[in-house]
Amino acid sequence: MASAQLDLTFSALADPTRRAILARLSRGEASVLELAEPFDMSLPAISKHLKVLERAGLITRGRDAQRRPCRLQAAPLKAVADWTEHFRRAWEESFDRLDEYLQEMQEEEEDHDDQKK
């Protein structure tokens, strides 16, 4: 994924309202009114959040008669998951090294205790 697209995705995900909207859309499409229902904010404010999500490629808006349902587009989220995977592996390697170190310390302590007996 291009860096610019990843920047757009992270920027869109930085807001809790937008993350909540994406969580709602993960259960299926919804209208703007349905998406706005749980929030104490105006429809124009919700529309601004939707425009950010749309610009980041995280949602699309269709047309169904008078209704314009929003749908989740998960591809950018997969790119974020792929990007963060590198760091998860690095953390796991750090934890493995820490685990080995603690095990060595425990064995040394057990040897020391055995020598005292």
Protein backbone atom coordinates (compact mmCIF):
# COMPACT_ATOMS: atom_id res chain seq x y z
CA MET A 1 0.00 0.00 0.00
CA ALA A 2 1.29 3.41 -0.87
CA SER A 3 2.40 5.51 2.04
CA ALA A 4 -0.12 8.26 1.19
CA GLN A 5 -3.00 5.77 1.35
CA LEU A 6 -1.73 4.39 4.66
CA ASP A 7 -1.57 7.97 6.00
CA LEU A 8 -5.18 8.56 4.95
CA THR A 9 -6.28 5.33 6.61
CA PHE A 10 -4.52 6.05 9.91
CA SER A 11 -5.80 9.63 9.88
CA ALA A 12 -9.37 8.39 9.40
CA LEU A 13 -8.95 5.80 12.16
CA ALA A 14 -7.60 8.39 14.60
CA ASP A 15 -11.10 9.56 15.51
CA PRO A 16 -13.27 7.43 17.87
CA THR A 17 -16.50 8.41 16.10
CA ARG A 18 -15.14 7.19 12.79
CA ARG A 19 -13.93 3.95 14.38
CA ALA A 20 -17.41 3.45 15.87
CA ILE A 21 -18.98 4.05 12.46
CA LEU A 22 -16.68 1.44 10.92
CA ALA A 23 -17.55 -1.00 13.71
CA ARG A 24 -21.24 -0.45 12.98
CA LEU A 25 -20.69 -0.95 9.24
CA SER A 26 -18.82 -4.20 9.91
CA ARG A 27 -22.27 -5.62 10.78
CA GLY A 28 -23.77 -4.49 7.47
CA GLU A 29 -24.69 -1.44 5.44
CA ALA A 30 -26.48 1.47 7.06
CA SER A 31 -27.94 4.83 6.13
CA VAL A 32 -26.55 8.11 7.42
CA LEU A 33 -29.50 8.38 9.81
CA GLU A 34 -28.84 4.91 11.18
CA LEU A 35 -25.14 5.69 11.59
CA ALA A 36 -25.91 8.98 13.35
CA GLU A 37 -28.38 7.45 15.82
CA PRO A 38 -25.94 6.52 18.64
CA PHE A 39 -24.09 9.84 18.53
CA ASP A 40 -24.99 13.16 20.11
CA MET A 41 -24.01 15.21 17.09
CA SER A 42 -25.65 16.80 14.07
CA LEU A 43 -26.17 15.06 10.74
CA PRO A 44 -23.73 17.48 9.04
CA ALA A 45 -21.09 16.46 11.60
CA ILE A 46 -21.73 12.78 10.86
CA SER A 47 -21.57 13.54 7.14
CA LYS A 48 -18.14 15.12 7.63
CA HIS A 49 -16.94 11.95 9.34
CA LEU A 50 -18.36 9.89 6.48
CA LYS A 51 -16.55 12.05 3.93
CA VAL A 52 -13.25 11.42 5.73
CA LEU A 53 -13.93 7.67 5.74
CA GLU A 54 -14.95 7.78 2.07
CA ARG A 55 -11.82 9.74 1.11
CA ALA A 56 -9.71 7.13 2.91
CA GLY A 57 -11.44 4.39 0.92
CA LEU A 58 -12.87 2.82 4.07
CA ILE A 59 -16.52 3.20 3.03
CA THR A 60 -18.56 3.59 -0.11
CA ARG A 61 -22.01 5.10 -0.50
CA GLY A 62 -24.53 3.49 -2.78
CA ARG A 63 -27.90 4.61 -4.01
CA ASP A 64 -31.12 2.75 -3.25
CA ALA A 65 -34.09 4.98 -4.23
CA GLN A 66 -34.02 7.83 -1.65
CA ARG A 67 -31.59 5.99 0.57
CA ARG A 68 -27.78 6.21 0.27
CA PRO A 69 -26.51 3.25 2.26
CA CYS A 70 -22.90 3.23 3.43
CA ARG A 71 -20.81 0.09 3.16
CA LEU A 72 -17.52 -0.87 4.75
CA GLN A 73 -14.55 -1.32 2.42
CA ALA A 74 -12.11 -3.42 4.41
CA ALA A 75 -9.14 -3.45 2.01
CA PRO A 76 -7.42 -0.42 3.63
CA LEU A 77 -7.84 -2.08 7.05
CA LYS A 78 -6.09 -5.19 5.73
CA ALA A 79 -3.19 -2.98 4.62
CA VAL A 80 -3.01 -1.50 8.15
CA ALA A 81 -3.04 -5.00 9.65
CA ASP A 82 -0.25 -6.07 7.29
CA TRP A 83 1.78 -2.99 8.22
CA THR A 84 1.37 -3.56 11.97
CA GLU A 85 2.19 -7.27 11.60
CA HIS A 86 5.88 -6.36 11.27
CA PHE A 87 5.78 -4.71 14.70
CA ARG A 88 3.89 -7.61 16.28
CA ARG A 89 6.68 -9.95 15.19
CA ALA A 90 9.28 -7.58 16.65
CA TRP A 91 7.40 -7.53 19.98
CA GLU A 92 7.13 -11.31 20.00
CA GLU A 93 10.87 -11.61 19.41
CA SER A 94 11.51 -9.21 22.30
CA PHE A 95 9.25 -11.24 24.58
CA ASP A 96 10.97 -14.47 23.50
CA ARG A 97 14.37 -12.96 24.40
CA LEU A 98 13.01 -11.77 27.75
CA ASP A 99 11.54 -15.22 28.41
CA GLU A 100 14.90 -16.86 27.66
CA TYR A 101 16.69 -14.40 29.95
CA LEU A 102 14.25 -15.01 32.80
CA GLN A 103 14.58 -18.77 32.34
CA GLU A 104 18.38 -18.49 32.50
CA MET A 105 18.12 -16.42 35.68
CA GLN A 106 15.76 -18.94 37.23
CA GLU A 107 18.12 -21.83 36.36
CA GLU A 108 21.09 -19.94 37.82
CA GLU A 109 19.14 -19.28 41.00
CA GLU A 110 18.16 -22.96 41.26
CA ASP A 111 21.83 -23.98 40.77
CA HIS A 112 22.87 -21.50 43.43
CA ASP A 113 20.24 -22.90 45.85
CA ASP A 114 21.39 -26.48 45.14
CA GLN A 115 24.99 -25.54 45.95
CA LYS A 116 23.91 -24.11 49.32
CA LYS A 117 22.34 -27.43 50.33
